[in-house]
């Protein structure tokens, strides 16, 4: 309701109060100790305010409390161990505060606890190995983004009600316990960002309700158990940034519920599955970068019609880039950098790049450092106006930059360095109103940067790359100038008026550079 101010200590006089809900307001100051006098209080909701100070250690006097919600405040100090005296407590929600010190282990002795949520704090401590024996009613344990350490509980036989284990981004070590197979109701298992070692237990495939399975940013080794791909509800499989080896199981794309597969930054190898019958109709994110995958990119990826992001960078994939990728109408990011991909033989003008004109929400297209040996088609002007990054460094791109490139008004970065481009820089580049970075170095491009006042006014911090001018009277190519620095005057499109440079000063600087280039030409440089 937009309320603000402090919570009056007189609230302790409301002796018959059972339910207090002041969440999502702007109350500040400390939590009054007088709340502890509300012996009939069952639910306390003060989340999403500006409360500070510590949690009153006398709060345990509210012996009928079932739920404590103090999340998203500025509470500090230790978590009172006296909360363990609240024998009816079911929900303890303290996430997104700033408490200090270890979490009192005695609180895990409250057998009625169903939800413990401490996400986004700086709480340290360990978990008892027999956690489930003391909390048999536990349904959700949310400890992500803290400083918990030690090993994960191994005795899970008594945790038959657990649905969510959010333990990511702490300092847990050791292996993933085999005992997790006892959690028959488990739907969410998030263990990323720890120091876990060992292998992925094959018994994880027994968790038939599992949806997100996330173990990214650990030290997990070994191969991916093939039976994991039979989990009927798996929506997220995040194992990136580990030390996984071996090949991808053949049935990786055979789970209709999958939305994300993240395997980047491992040592996985072999070809991608070749079965054209796979579809993954709900797959949105496919992250395979920095591995050792080889062979072709399967054309059946176009069957995964909801794909938003494909990242296959830094592998050894080969063969032509399938034109069928252009059928992915929701595709926003495509990164195929640093592979051995090629253009289709004998197809220079109507190559795979033309197919991307069908991707109407494409934003980032990176295909650098592949032996493509193609030209940039005129159809680039039909690319989505949402495209802002187009990178083709070191990919044997030949021919000229099409005039139609000027239609892509939202370009911020055009990277064509280290190719075989020739002819003039098209004057239409001056129409790229959002361009901040243009890299054309190590090509054989003729002419100079177009002297277009509109271009200068809309470029922003323009990174002028090395420009080579071909000598038409000889086979030798001469470097007429290296402008590999940021021109200080081209800051006309800064958001703040005080930071903008006068357009007249900019034109004077550009004219001096142009004169210098002509002097170098006449001197035979």
Protein backbone atom coordinates (compact mmCIF):
# COMPACT_ATOMS: atom_id res chain seq x y z
CA UNK A 1 0.00 0.00 0.00
CA UNK A 2 3.03 2.31 -0.21
CA UNK A 3 3.22 2.71 3.57
CA UNK A 4 6.41 4.03 5.14
CA UNK A 5 7.87 4.95 8.49
CA UNK A 6 8.73 2.71 11.41
CA UNK A 7 6.68 -0.11 12.88
CA UNK A 8 5.32 1.18 16.17
CA UNK A 9 6.29 -0.76 19.31
CA UNK A 10 2.63 -0.43 20.35
CA UNK A 11 1.88 -3.23 17.92
CA UNK A 12 2.72 -5.48 20.86
CA UNK A 13 -0.57 -4.43 22.47
CA UNK A 14 -2.62 -6.26 19.81
CA UNK A 15 -2.71 -9.36 21.97
CA UNK A 16 -5.30 -11.21 19.87
CA UNK A 17 -3.43 -10.69 16.59
CA UNK A 18 -3.02 -13.92 14.63
CA UNK A 19 -1.88 -12.67 11.21
CA UNK A 20 0.36 -9.64 10.57
CA UNK A 21 1.04 -8.80 6.91
CA UNK A 22 2.91 -5.58 6.10
CA UNK A 23 4.93 -6.91 3.16
CA UNK A 24 5.90 -4.85 0.11
CA UNK A 25 5.91 -1.42 1.74
CA UNK A 26 8.67 1.00 2.78
CA UNK A 27 8.91 0.44 6.53
CA UNK A 28 12.38 1.16 7.87
CA UNK A 29 14.12 1.03 11.19
CA UNK A 30 14.40 -2.01 13.41
CA UNK A 31 11.93 -4.78 14.02
CA UNK A 32 10.30 -3.92 17.38
CA UNK A 33 10.95 -6.42 20.16
CA UNK A 34 7.36 -5.91 21.27
CA UNK A 35 6.23 -8.25 18.49
CA UNK A 36 7.42 -11.01 20.81
CA UNK A 37 4.40 -10.27 23.06
CA UNK A 38 1.99 -11.47 20.34
CA UNK A 39 1.58 -14.97 21.74
CA UNK A 40 -1.29 -15.85 19.38
CA UNK A 41 0.56 -14.77 16.24
CA UNK A 42 0.77 -17.53 13.65
CA UNK A 43 1.97 -15.75 10.49
CA UNK A 44 4.41 -12.84 10.31
CA UNK A 45 4.92 -11.29 6.86
CA UNK A 46 7.27 -8.31 6.70
CA UNK A 47 9.11 -9.11 3.44
CA UNK A 48 10.12 -6.46 0.89
CA UNK A 49 10.59 -3.49 3.19
CA UNK A 50 13.61 -1.50 4.37
CA UNK A 51 13.93 -2.99 7.84
CA UNK A 52 17.39 -3.09 9.41
CA UNK A 53 19.04 -4.19 12.59
CA UNK A 54 18.92 -7.72 13.95
CA UNK A 55 16.17 -10.27 14.36
CA UNK A 56 14.86 -9.99 17.97
CA UNK A 57 16.16 -13.03 19.90
CA UNK A 58 12.93 -12.92 21.91
CA UNK A 59 10.87 -13.71 18.82
CA UNK A 60 10.72 -17.32 19.99
CA UNK A 61 8.18 -16.18 22.61
CA UNK A 62 5.65 -16.21 19.77
CA UNK A 63 5.32 -19.94 20.29
CA UNK A 64 2.39 -20.31 17.91
CA UNK A 65 4.29 -18.90 14.93
CA UNK A 66 4.03 -21.12 11.87
CA UNK A 67 5.55 -18.78 9.28
CA UNK A 68 8.25 -16.09 9.50
CA UNK A 69 8.75 -14.04 6.31
CA UNK A 70 11.46 -11.37 6.62
CA UNK A 71 12.99 -11.62 3.13
CA UNK A 72 14.30 -8.69 1.08
CA UNK A 73 15.14 -6.29 3.87
CA UNK A 74 18.42 -5.02 5.34
CA UNK A 75 18.55 -7.16 8.45
CA UNK A 76 22.00 -7.80 9.93
CA UNK A 77 23.53 -9.57 12.89
CA UNK A 78 23.41 -13.25 13.77
CA UNK A 79 20.39 -15.46 13.29
CA UNK A 80 19.11 -16.17 16.82
CA UNK A 81 19.55 -19.77 17.89
CA UNK A 82 16.47 -19.29 20.06
CA UNK A 83 14.34 -19.78 16.94
CA UNK A 84 14.91 -23.49 17.56
CA UNK A 85 12.45 -23.20 20.48
CA UNK A 86 9.55 -22.58 18.07
CA UNK A 87 8.24 -26.11 17.90
CA UNK A 88 5.43 -25.30 15.42
CA UNK A 89 7.52 -23.32 12.91
CA UNK A 90 6.98 -24.46 9.31
CA UNK A 91 8.43 -21.64 7.18
CA UNK A 92 11.60 -19.62 7.89
CA UNK A 93 12.18 -17.15 5.08
CA UNK A 94 15.16 -14.80 5.59
CA UNK A 95 16.45 -14.59 2.01
CA UNK A 96 18.10 -11.45 0.61
CA UNK A 97 19.25 -9.79 3.81
CA UNK A 98 22.72 -9.32 5.33
CA UNK A 99 22.92 -11.52 8.43
CA UNK A 100 26.35 -12.56 9.64
CA UNK A 101 27.87 -15.61 11.23
CA UNK A 102 27.02 -19.28 10.90
CA UNK A 103 23.51 -20.66 10.70
CA UNK A 104 22.62 -22.24 14.08
CA UNK A 105 22.54 -25.99 13.59
CA UNK A 106 19.96 -26.37 16.38
CA UNK A 107 17.33 -24.82 14.09
CA UNK A 108 17.51 -27.98 12.00
CA UNK A 109 16.09 -29.79 15.03
CA UNK A 110 12.68 -28.16 14.50
CA UNK A 111 10.88 -31.19 13.13
CA UNK A 112 7.92 -29.17 11.80
CA UNK A 113 10.08 -27.12 9.38
CA UNK A 114 8.99 -27.47 5.77
CA UNK A 115 10.68 -24.45 4.13
CA UNK A 116 14.06 -22.94 5.01
CA UNK A 117 14.96 -20.07 2.68
CA UNK A 118 18.27 -18.25 3.20
CA UNK A 119 19.16 -17.43 -0.43
CA UNK A 120 21.27 -14.35 -1.16
CA UNK A 121 22.89 -13.76 2.23
CA UNK A 122 26.41 -14.19 3.59
CA UNK A 123 25.62 -17.00 5.97
CA UNK A 124 28.24 -19.63 6.66
CA UNK A 125 28.18 -22.98 8.38
CA UNK A 126 27.70 -26.62 7.51
CA UNK A 127 24.74 -28.94 7.08
CA UNK A 128 24.25 -31.91 9.42
CA UNK A 129 24.82 -35.26 7.73
CA UNK A 130 21.58 -36.51 9.30
CA UNK A 131 19.60 -33.42 8.31
CA UNK A 132 16.61 -35.44 7.17
CA UNK A 133 16.33 -37.35 10.41
CA UNK A 134 15.70 -34.07 12.25
CA UNK A 135 13.59 -32.39 9.53
CA UNK A 136 11.39 -35.20 8.19
CA UNK A 137 8.82 -32.68 6.87
CA UNK A 138 11.33 -30.65 4.87
CA UNK A 139 10.04 -29.73 1.40
CA UNK A 140 12.31 -26.90 0.28
CA UNK A 141 15.86 -25.98 1.27
CA UNK A 142 16.98 -22.71 -0.35
CA UNK A 143 20.60 -21.89 0.54
CA UNK A 144 21.99 -20.54 -2.76
CA UNK A 145 24.41 -17.60 -2.81
CA UNK A 146 25.84 -18.01 0.67
CA UNK A 147 29.05 -19.32 2.25
CA UNK A 148 28.01 -22.76 3.43
CA UNK A 149 30.79 -25.33 3.27
CA UNK A 150 31.53 -28.93 4.01
CA UNK A 151 29.94 -31.98 2.44
CA UNK A 152 26.36 -32.39 1.32
CA UNK A 153 24.11 -34.51 3.56
CA UNK A 154 24.41 -38.15 2.61
CA UNK A 155 21.61 -39.67 4.68
CA UNK A 156 18.51 -38.68 2.73
CA UNK A 157 16.26 -41.65 3.50
CA UNK A 158 14.05 -39.60 5.82
CA UNK A 159 13.58 -36.67 3.40
CA UNK A 160 10.72 -38.20 1.48
CA UNK A 161 8.89 -34.86 1.15
CA UNK A 162 11.74 -32.78 -0.32
CA UNK A 163 10.78 -31.09 -3.60
CA UNK A 164 13.48 -28.40 -3.99
CA UNK A 165 17.19 -28.39 -3.08
CA UNK A 166 18.72 -25.03 -3.98
CA UNK A 167 22.34 -25.25 -2.78
CA UNK A 168 24.18 -23.47 -5.58
CA UNK A 169 27.02 -20.96 -5.24
CA UNK A 170 28.36 -21.88 -1.83
CA UNK A 171 31.55 -23.70 -0.86
CA UNK A 172 30.29 -27.25 -0.60
CA UNK A 173 32.86 -29.91 -1.49
CA UNK A 174 33.02 -33.64 -1.89
CA UNK A 175 30.92 -35.66 -4.30
CA UNK A 176 27.22 -35.61 -5.13
CA UNK A 177 25.74 -38.12 -2.67
CA UNK A 178 24.30 -41.33 -4.04
CA UNK A 179 21.66 -40.94 -1.34
CA UNK A 180 19.87 -38.30 -3.42
CA UNK A 181 18.19 -41.18 -5.24
CA UNK A 182 15.91 -41.54 -2.18
CA UNK A 183 14.30 -38.16 -2.88
CA UNK A 184 11.41 -39.51 -4.93
CA UNK A 185 9.53 -36.18 -4.94
CA UNK A 186 12.55 -34.07 -5.87
CA UNK A 187 11.81 -31.64 -8.72
CA UNK A 188 14.66 -29.11 -8.46
CA UNK A 189 18.33 -29.95 -7.81
CA UNK A 190 20.66 -26.95 -8.06
CA UNK A 191 24.28 -27.56 -7.01
CA UNK A 192 26.17 -25.16 -9.31
CA UNK A 193 29.02 -22.92 -8.23
CA UNK A 194 30.54 -25.09 -5.52
CA UNK A 195 33.69 -27.21 -5.21
CA UNK A 196 32.05 -30.54 -5.89
CA UNK A 197 34.14 -33.36 -7.33
CA UNK A 198 33.59 -36.91 -8.52
CA UNK A 199 31.15 -38.05 -11.20
CA UNK A 200 27.46 -37.51 -11.92
CA UNK A 201 25.80 -40.38 -10.03
CA UNK A 202 23.88 -42.57 -12.48
CA UNK A 203 21.21 -42.91 -9.79
CA UNK A 204 20.11 -39.34 -10.55
CA UNK A 205 18.19 -40.88 -13.45
CA UNK A 206 15.86 -42.47 -10.87
CA UNK A 207 14.45 -39.03 -9.94
CA UNK A 208 11.52 -39.18 -12.32
CA UNK A 209 10.11 -35.77 -11.29
CA UNK A 210 13.38 -33.88 -11.70
CA UNK A 211 13.05 -30.74 -13.81
CA UNK A 212 16.10 -28.44 -13.42
CA UNK A 213 19.36 -30.34 -12.85
CA UNK A 214 22.18 -27.79 -12.46
CA UNK A 215 25.77 -28.64 -11.46
CA UNK A 216 27.60 -25.90 -13.42
CA UNK A 217 30.88 -24.35 -12.21
CA UNK A 218 32.18 -27.33 -10.24
CA UNK A 219 34.95 -29.89 -10.67
CA UNK A 220 32.80 -32.78 -11.86
CA UNK A 221 34.58 -35.33 -14.07
CA UNK A 222 33.62 -38.39 -16.06
CA UNK A 223 30.94 -38.84 -18.67
CA UNK A 224 27.25 -37.96 -18.80
CA UNK A 225 25.15 -40.94 -17.73
CA UNK A 226 23.11 -41.93 -20.76
CA UNK A 227 20.03 -42.77 -18.69
CA UNK A 228 19.64 -39.11 -17.66
CA UNK A 229 18.04 -38.45 -21.03
CA UNK A 230 15.11 -40.63 -20.08
CA UNK A 231 13.96 -38.28 -17.32
CA UNK A 232 10.45 -37.36 -18.53
CA UNK A 233 10.23 -33.89 -16.92
CA UNK A 234 13.78 -32.60 -17.36
CA UNK A 235 13.65 -28.93 -18.41
CA UNK A 236 17.19 -27.71 -17.65
CA UNK A 237 20.43 -29.67 -17.87
CA UNK A 238 23.25 -27.32 -16.83
CA UNK A 239 26.68 -28.93 -16.55
CA UNK A 240 28.84 -26.17 -18.05
CA UNK A 241 32.29 -25.31 -16.69
CA UNK A 242 33.27 -28.72 -15.36
CA UNK A 243 35.67 -31.42 -16.56
CA UNK A 244 33.24 -33.73 -18.30
CA UNK A 245 34.61 -36.02 -21.01
CA UNK A 246 33.28 -38.53 -23.50
CA UNK A 247 30.54 -38.17 -26.07
CA UNK A 248 27.03 -36.80 -25.77
CA UNK A 249 24.46 -39.56 -25.33
CA UNK A 250 22.53 -40.18 -28.54
CA UNK A 251 19.19 -39.29 -26.99
CA UNK A 252 20.10 -35.80 -25.79
CA UNK A 253 17.51 -34.19 -28.09
CA UNK A 254 14.80 -36.72 -27.36
CA UNK A 255 13.25 -35.09 -24.27
CA UNK A 256 10.23 -32.99 -25.21
CA UNK A 257 10.33 -31.08 -21.89
CA UNK A 258 13.92 -29.77 -22.31
CA UNK A 259 14.31 -25.99 -22.44
CA UNK A 260 18.05 -25.60 -21.79
CA UNK A 261 21.12 -27.76 -22.40
CA UNK A 262 24.30 -26.11 -21.11
CA UNK A 263 27.50 -28.12 -21.61
CA UNK A 264 29.97 -25.33 -22.42
CA UNK A 265 33.53 -25.31 -21.07
CA UNK A 266 34.13 -29.04 -20.71
CA UNK A 267 36.17 -31.60 -22.67
CA UNK A 268 33.31 -33.38 -24.41
CA UNK A 269 34.07 -34.78 -27.85
CA UNK A 270 32.65 -36.70 -30.78
CA UNK A 271 29.99 -35.75 -33.28
CA UNK A 272 26.66 -34.24 -32.34
CA UNK A 273 23.81 -36.77 -32.54
CA UNK A 274 22.80 -37.34 -36.15
CA UNK A 275 19.29 -38.78 -35.77
CA UNK A 276 16.98 -36.50 -37.77
CA UNK A 277 13.98 -37.74 -35.80
CA UNK A 278 14.86 -35.59 -32.79
CA UNK A 279 12.84 -32.44 -32.28
CA UNK A 280 13.02 -30.97 -28.73
CA UNK A 281 9.99 -28.75 -29.36
CA UNK A 282 10.56 -26.66 -26.20
CA UNK A 283 14.34 -26.24 -26.39
CA UNK A 284 15.38 -22.56 -26.12
CA UNK A 285 19.05 -22.51 -25.06
CA UNK A 286 21.80 -24.71 -26.50
CA UNK A 287 25.27 -23.97 -25.11
CA UNK A 288 28.06 -26.29 -26.31
CA UNK A 289 30.95 -23.79 -26.61
CA UNK A 290 34.57 -24.60 -25.68
CA UNK A 291 34.59 -28.35 -26.08
CA UNK A 292 36.01 -30.76 -28.66
CA UNK A 293 32.90 -31.49 -30.69
CA UNK A 294 33.56 -32.41 -34.30
CA UNK A 295 31.63 -33.26 -37.41
CA UNK A 296 28.78 -31.28 -38.97
CA UNK A 297 26.12 -29.13 -37.37
CA UNK A 298 22.99 -31.26 -37.64
CA UNK A 299 20.35 -29.77 -39.91
CA UNK A 300 17.56 -31.09 -37.69
CA UNK A 301 18.22 -28.24 -35.23
CA UNK A 302 15.58 -26.40 -37.24
CA UNK A 303 13.06 -28.83 -35.72
CA UNK A 304 13.79 -27.21 -32.35
CA UNK A 305 11.55 -24.36 -33.40
CA UNK A 306 11.75 -22.37 -30.12
CA UNK A 307 15.54 -22.01 -30.05
CA UNK A 308 16.62 -18.57 -28.84
CA UNK A 309 20.38 -19.09 -28.34
CA UNK A 310 22.85 -21.41 -30.07
CA UNK A 311 26.48 -21.28 -28.95
CA UNK A 312 28.87 -23.77 -30.60
CA UNK A 313 31.96 -21.53 -30.45
CA UNK A 314 35.48 -22.93 -29.96
CA UNK A 315 35.01 -26.49 -31.12
CA UNK A 316 36.23 -28.32 -34.25
CA UNK A 317 32.91 -28.54 -36.07
CA UNK A 318 33.26 -28.83 -39.83
CA UNK A 319 31.21 -28.86 -42.99
CA UNK A 320 28.75 -26.23 -44.24
CA UNK A 321 26.54 -24.21 -41.95
CA UNK A 322 23.00 -25.51 -42.54
CA UNK A 323 20.65 -23.04 -44.21
CA UNK A 324 17.87 -24.62 -42.16
CA UNK A 325 19.03 -22.61 -39.13
CA UNK A 326 17.38 -19.67 -40.87
CA UNK A 327 14.01 -21.28 -40.13
CA UNK A 328 14.40 -20.55 -36.41
CA UNK A 329 12.11 -17.54 -36.12
CA UNK A 330 12.84 -16.97 -32.41
CA UNK A 331 16.63 -17.12 -32.73
CA UNK A 332 18.34 -14.14 -31.05
CA UNK A 333 21.97 -15.25 -30.63
CA UNK A 334 24.04 -17.49 -32.91
CA UNK A 335 27.72 -17.98 -32.05
CA UNK A 336 29.74 -20.32 -34.26
CA UNK A 337 33.15 -18.66 -33.77
CA UNK A 338 36.39 -20.64 -33.98
CA UNK A 339 35.45 -23.84 -35.76
CA UNK A 340 36.24 -25.33 -39.18
CA UNK A 341 32.92 -24.48 -40.79
CA UNK A 342 32.70 -23.70 -44.49
CA UNK A 343 30.31 -22.29 -47.03
CA UNK A 344 28.45 -24.64 -49.35
CA UNK A 345 30.55 -25.58 -52.39
CA UNK A 346 29.85 -23.49 -55.47
CA UNK A 347 27.34 -21.28 -53.66
CA UNK A 348 28.88 -17.86 -53.18
CA UNK A 349 26.14 -15.30 -53.59
CA UNK A 350 23.21 -17.26 -52.19
CA UNK A 351 25.09 -18.75 -49.25
CA UNK A 352 23.80 -19.60 -45.79
CA UNK A 353 23.97 -15.95 -44.71
CA UNK A 354 20.97 -15.22 -46.92
CA UNK A 355 18.85 -17.63 -44.90
CA UNK A 356 19.27 -15.53 -41.75
CA UNK A 357 17.00 -12.88 -43.22
CA UNK A 358 14.17 -15.12 -41.96
CA UNK A 359 15.33 -14.74 -38.34
CA UNK A 360 13.34 -11.61 -37.57
CA UNK A 361 14.51 -11.17 -33.96
CA UNK A 362 18.19 -11.98 -34.49
CA UNK A 363 20.46 -9.74 -32.37
CA UNK A 364 23.95 -11.27 -32.35
CA UNK A 365 25.56 -13.19 -35.23
CA UNK A 366 29.16 -14.34 -34.75
CA UNK A 367 30.83 -16.70 -37.25
CA UNK A 368 34.44 -15.51 -36.96
CA UNK A 369 37.54 -17.63 -37.59
CA UNK A 370 36.00 -20.23 -39.85
CA UNK A 371 37.28 -20.93 -43.43
CA UNK A 372 33.95 -19.84 -44.94
CA UNK A 373 35.32 -18.51 -48.25
CA UNK A 374 32.09 -16.69 -49.16
CA UNK A 375 30.85 -13.23 -50.06
CA UNK A 376 28.48 -11.06 -48.08
CA UNK A 377 25.18 -11.25 -49.98
CA UNK A 378 23.14 -8.21 -50.93
CA UNK A 379 20.32 -9.77 -48.91
CA UNK A 380 22.07 -8.64 -45.74
CA UNK A 381 19.92 -5.55 -46.06
CA UNK A 382 16.92 -7.79 -45.35
CA UNK A 383 18.29 -8.92 -42.01
CA UNK A 384 16.27 -8.16 -38.91
CA UNK A 385 16.48 -4.55 -37.75
CA UNK A 386 17.13 -5.97 -34.26
CA UNK A 387 20.59 -7.19 -35.35
CA UNK A 388 23.23 -5.15 -33.54
CA UNK A 389 26.35 -7.36 -33.65
CA UNK A 390 27.72 -8.98 -36.84
CA UNK A 391 31.19 -10.56 -36.53
CA UNK A 392 33.03 -12.26 -39.40
CA UNK A 393 36.70 -11.85 -38.41
CA UNK A 394 39.24 -14.01 -40.21
CA UNK A 395 36.78 -16.06 -42.25
CA UNK A 396 38.07 -15.60 -45.83
CA UNK A 397 35.23 -13.25 -46.70
CA UNK A 398 35.77 -11.87 -50.20
CA UNK A 399 34.12 -9.45 -52.59
CA UNK A 400 32.75 -6.14 -51.40
CA UNK A 401 30.63 -4.81 -48.55
CA UNK A 402 27.13 -4.47 -50.03
CA UNK A 403 25.47 -1.06 -50.18
CA UNK A 404 22.41 -2.65 -48.55
CA UNK A 405 24.26 -2.81 -45.24
CA UNK A 406 23.04 0.74 -44.64
CA UNK A 407 19.54 -0.58 -43.94
CA UNK A 408 20.66 -2.10 -40.63
CA UNK A 409 20.12 0.98 -38.52
CA UNK A 410 20.68 -0.74 -35.17
CA UNK A 411 24.17 -2.10 -35.87
CA UNK A 412 26.49 -1.33 -32.94
CA UNK A 413 29.42 -3.55 -33.94
CA UNK A 414 30.44 -4.61 -37.44
CA UNK A 415 33.56 -6.79 -37.39
CA UNK A 416 35.09 -7.72 -40.77
CA UNK A 417 38.77 -7.57 -39.85
CA UNK A 418 41.34 -9.95 -41.41
CA UNK A 419 39.45 -10.98 -44.56
CA UNK A 420 39.82 -10.55 -48.33
CA UNK A 421 37.36 -7.71 -48.89
CA UNK A 422 38.02 -5.28 -51.73
CA UNK A 423 36.55 -2.16 -53.39
CA UNK A 424 35.22 0.92 -51.66
CA UNK A 425 33.70 1.34 -48.23
CA UNK A 426 30.02 1.85 -49.15
CA UNK A 427 28.75 5.34 -48.44
CA UNK A 428 25.66 3.81 -46.85
CA UNK A 429 27.71 2.97 -43.76
CA UNK A 430 27.01 6.59 -42.86
CA UNK A 431 23.40 5.54 -42.31
CA UNK A 432 24.25 3.12 -39.51
CA UNK A 433 22.96 5.41 -36.80
CA UNK A 434 23.80 3.18 -33.85
CA UNK A 435 27.25 2.06 -34.97
CA UNK A 436 29.89 2.25 -32.23
CA UNK A 437 32.58 -0.07 -33.55
CA UNK A 438 33.67 -0.73 -37.13
CA UNK A 439 36.62 -3.08 -37.74
CA UNK A 440 37.87 -3.43 -41.32
CA UNK A 441 41.59 -3.92 -40.72
CA UNK A 442 43.72 -6.26 -42.87
CA UNK A 443 41.51 -6.08 -45.95
CA UNK A 444 42.13 -4.49 -49.37
CA UNK A 445 39.48 -1.83 -49.23
CA UNK A 446 39.76 1.29 -51.39
CA UNK A 447 38.79 4.83 -50.55
CA UNK A 448 38.26 6.65 -47.31
CA UNK A 449 35.70 6.81 -44.57
CA UNK A 450 32.69 8.59 -46.09
CA UNK A 451 32.69 12.27 -45.24
CA UNK A 452 29.08 12.28 -44.15
CA UNK A 453 27.98 14.71 -41.46
CA UNK A 454 25.07 12.47 -40.45
CA UNK A 455 27.39 9.54 -40.04
CA UNK A 456 29.65 11.48 -37.69
CA UNK A 457 26.69 12.70 -35.67
CA UNK A 458 25.37 9.21 -35.04
CA UNK A 459 28.48 7.07 -34.69
CA UNK A 460 29.32 7.66 -31.04
CA UNK A 461 32.72 6.33 -29.87
CA UNK A 462 33.77 5.11 -33.31
CA UNK A 463 36.69 2.68 -33.44
CA UNK A 464 38.30 3.33 -36.83
CA UNK A 465 40.25 0.25 -37.89
CA UNK A 466 43.25 -0.06 -40.14
CA UNK A 467 42.37 0.86 -43.74
CA UNK A 468 44.28 -0.50 -46.71
CA UNK A 469 44.02 1.06 -50.16
CA UNK A 470 44.82 -1.03 -53.20
CA UNK A 471 47.16 0.42 -55.78
CA UNK A 472 45.29 0.01 -59.06
CA UNK A 473 48.45 0.48 -61.16
CA UNK A 474 50.37 -2.38 -59.58
CA UNK A 475 49.81 -5.64 -57.82
CA UNK A 476 51.34 -4.26 -54.67
CA UNK A 477 49.01 -3.08 -51.93
CA UNK A 478 50.14 -0.06 -49.94
CA UNK A 479 49.07 0.98 -46.50
CA UNK A 480 48.03 4.62 -46.67
CA UNK A 481 47.19 5.06 -43.05
CA UNK A 482 46.62 3.32 -39.77
CA UNK A 483 43.77 4.80 -37.80
CA UNK A 484 43.67 2.12 -35.15
CA UNK A 485 42.70 4.49 -32.39
CA UNK A 486 39.45 6.03 -31.21
CA UNK A 487 38.91 9.44 -32.72
CA UNK A 488 38.41 11.73 -29.72
CA UNK A 489 35.88 13.97 -31.42
CA UNK A 490 33.36 11.32 -32.40
CA UNK A 491 31.23 11.46 -29.28
CA UNK A 492 28.30 13.32 -30.67
CA UNK A 493 25.69 10.77 -29.63
CA UNK A 494 26.38 10.69 -25.91
CA UNK A 495 23.22 10.65 -23.83
CA UNK A 496 24.25 13.59 -21.65
CA UNK A 497 24.46 16.93 -23.51
CA UNK A 498 27.51 18.04 -21.51
CA UNK A 499 29.49 15.05 -22.82
CA UNK A 500 28.74 15.69 -26.49
CA UNK A 501 31.35 17.19 -28.81
CA UNK A 502 30.45 19.99 -31.21
CA UNK A 503 29.95 18.67 -34.75
CA UNK A 504 32.10 21.44 -36.22
CA UNK A 505 35.09 20.35 -34.12
CA UNK A 506 34.57 16.78 -35.25
CA UNK A 507 34.58 17.74 -38.96
CA UNK A 508 37.78 19.74 -38.50
CA UNK A 509 39.53 16.69 -36.99
CA UNK A 510 38.31 14.40 -39.76
CA UNK A 511 39.46 16.88 -42.43
CA UNK A 512 42.96 16.96 -40.90
CA UNK A 513 43.15 13.17 -40.98
CA UNK A 514 42.03 13.11 -44.61
CA UNK A 515 44.65 15.70 -45.58
CA UNK A 516 47.33 13.67 -43.80
CA UNK A 517 46.37 10.57 -45.79
CA UNK A 518 46.65 12.42 -49.09
CA UNK A 519 50.07 13.78 -48.05
CA UNK A 520 51.23 10.24 -47.34
CA UNK A 521 50.04 9.13 -50.78
CA UNK A 522 51.94 11.97 -52.52
CA UNK A 523 55.08 11.16 -50.53
CA UNK A 524 54.94 7.57 -51.70
CA UNK A 525 54.27 6.20 -48.23
